[in-house]
Amino acid sequence: MVHGQREERSFMLSQIYQYLGPYQKVNHFPSSYELTRKDCMYRNIAKMQATHGQRHFNFVPVTYIIPQDIPLLKQNTKQTLFIVKPSAKSQGKGIHVISDIQQVLC
């Protein structure tokens, strides 16, 4: 789904929420993946860092989103351990620690 379609779908869903009855509950909100997916959340935080300054968002570790950040990752020679987290998994599934970036690049 392209960006414009995603926004259009999100808008349509938010319109549907206006017609919920007082007894109905919602457990998903439009575009909530922007916070729940690790890659999307980092992109949003990086935008906020660029807009409002790094010092307000210094709680975020150095992050690489694969595959687009592979050149940056290869430049990082000081880091000895990396935590690899799949972008769309939860509850700790798929998380592992590596010491060689070639393990990610394969």
Protein backbone atom coordinates (compact mmCIF):
# COMPACT_ATOMS: atom_id res chain seq x y z
CA MET A 1 0.00 0.00 0.00
CA VAL A 2 1.48 3.36 -0.95
CA HIS A 3 1.68 6.30 1.44
CA GLY A 4 -1.34 8.22 0.06
CA GLN A 5 -3.54 5.15 0.14
CA ARG A 6 -2.50 4.44 3.72
CA GLU A 7 -3.52 7.96 4.80
CA GLU A 8 -6.80 7.67 2.89
CA ARG A 9 -7.58 4.32 4.51
CA SER A 10 -6.66 5.71 7.93
CA PHE A 11 -9.00 8.66 7.39
CA MET A 12 -11.81 6.32 6.32
CA LEU A 13 -11.33 4.20 9.44
CA SER A 14 -11.38 7.26 11.68
CA GLN A 15 -14.70 8.24 10.09
CA ILE A 16 -16.11 4.83 11.00
CA TYR A 17 -15.16 5.37 14.66
CA GLN A 18 -17.55 8.32 14.86
CA TYR A 19 -20.47 5.92 14.53
CA LEU A 20 -19.51 3.56 17.34
CA GLY A 21 -22.07 3.13 20.06
CA PRO A 22 -21.29 3.85 23.72
CA TYR A 23 -21.13 0.10 24.41
CA GLN A 24 -18.57 -0.60 21.66
CA LYS A 25 -14.82 -0.71 22.25
CA VAL A 26 -11.90 -0.26 19.89
CA ASN A 27 -8.67 -2.17 20.29
CA HIS A 28 -6.88 -0.83 17.21
CA PHE A 29 -6.49 2.74 16.05
CA PRO A 30 -5.64 4.00 12.57
CA SER A 31 -1.90 4.13 11.92
CA SER A 32 -1.08 2.69 15.36
CA TYR A 33 1.67 0.68 13.66
CA GLU A 34 3.60 3.99 13.50
CA LEU A 35 4.29 3.43 17.20
CA THR A 36 4.12 -0.33 17.53
CA ARG A 37 6.46 -1.32 14.69
CA LYS A 38 10.08 -0.74 15.71
CA ASP A 39 11.18 0.55 12.30
CA CYS A 40 8.30 3.02 12.00
CA MET A 41 8.72 4.25 15.56
CA TYR A 42 12.43 4.88 14.99
CA ARG A 43 11.73 6.82 11.78
CA ASN A 44 9.25 8.99 13.68
CA ILE A 45 11.69 9.59 16.53
CA ALA A 46 14.45 10.43 14.02
CA LYS A 47 12.14 13.03 12.46
CA MET A 48 11.49 14.50 15.90
CA GLN A 49 15.24 14.55 16.63
CA ALA A 50 15.83 16.45 13.39
CA THR A 51 12.99 18.88 14.13
CA HIS A 52 13.43 19.49 17.87
CA GLY A 53 17.02 18.52 18.55
CA GLN A 54 18.86 15.39 19.58
CA ARG A 55 18.96 16.33 23.28
CA HIS A 56 15.18 15.91 23.64
CA PHE A 57 15.31 12.37 22.25
CA ASN A 58 18.64 11.08 23.54
CA PHE A 59 17.02 7.98 25.05
CA VAL A 60 17.08 6.20 21.67
CA PRO A 61 20.15 4.04 20.95
CA VAL A 62 21.90 4.13 17.59
CA THR A 63 19.54 2.31 15.26
CA TYR A 64 19.96 0.85 11.79
CA ILE A 65 17.02 -0.18 9.64
CA ILE A 66 18.04 -2.94 7.28
CA PRO A 67 18.40 -2.95 4.28
CA GLN A 68 18.51 0.83 3.68
CA ASP A 69 21.02 1.53 6.48
CA ILE A 70 23.54 -1.16 5.50
CA PRO A 71 26.13 1.44 4.34
CA LEU A 72 25.89 3.22 7.73
CA LEU A 73 26.09 -0.07 9.58
CA LYS A 74 29.25 -1.05 7.68
CA GLN A 75 30.86 2.26 8.70
CA ASN A 76 30.29 1.52 12.39
CA THR A 77 33.55 -0.14 13.40
CA LYS A 78 33.44 0.76 17.11
CA GLN A 79 30.36 -1.29 17.96
CA THR A 80 31.17 -4.83 19.06
CA LEU A 81 27.68 -6.16 19.80
CA PHE A 82 24.42 -5.57 18.00
CA ILE A 83 20.87 -6.32 19.08
CA VAL A 84 18.84 -7.50 16.11
CA LYS A 85 15.08 -7.00 16.33
CA PRO A 86 12.61 -7.92 13.59
CA SER A 87 10.42 -4.93 12.79
CA ALA A 88 7.03 -6.61 12.90
CA LYS A 89 7.33 -9.20 15.66
CA SER A 90 6.40 -8.82 19.31
CA GLN A 91 6.92 -10.32 22.74
CA GLY A 92 10.67 -10.73 22.20
CA LYS A 93 10.29 -13.11 19.27
CA GLY A 94 13.19 -13.07 16.84
CA ILE A 95 15.47 -10.88 18.98
CA HIS A 96 19.10 -11.96 19.11
CA VAL A 97 22.54 -10.51 19.81
CA ILE A 98 25.33 -10.71 17.23
CA SER A 99 28.98 -9.69 17.23
CA ASP A 100 29.61 -9.78 13.47
CA ILE A 101 27.54 -7.58 11.15
CA GLN A 102 28.03 -10.17 8.41
CA GLN A 103 25.42 -12.23 10.27
CA VAL A 104 22.87 -9.53 9.39
CA LEU A 105 24.06 -8.96 5.85
CA CYS A 106 23.74 -12.62 4.78
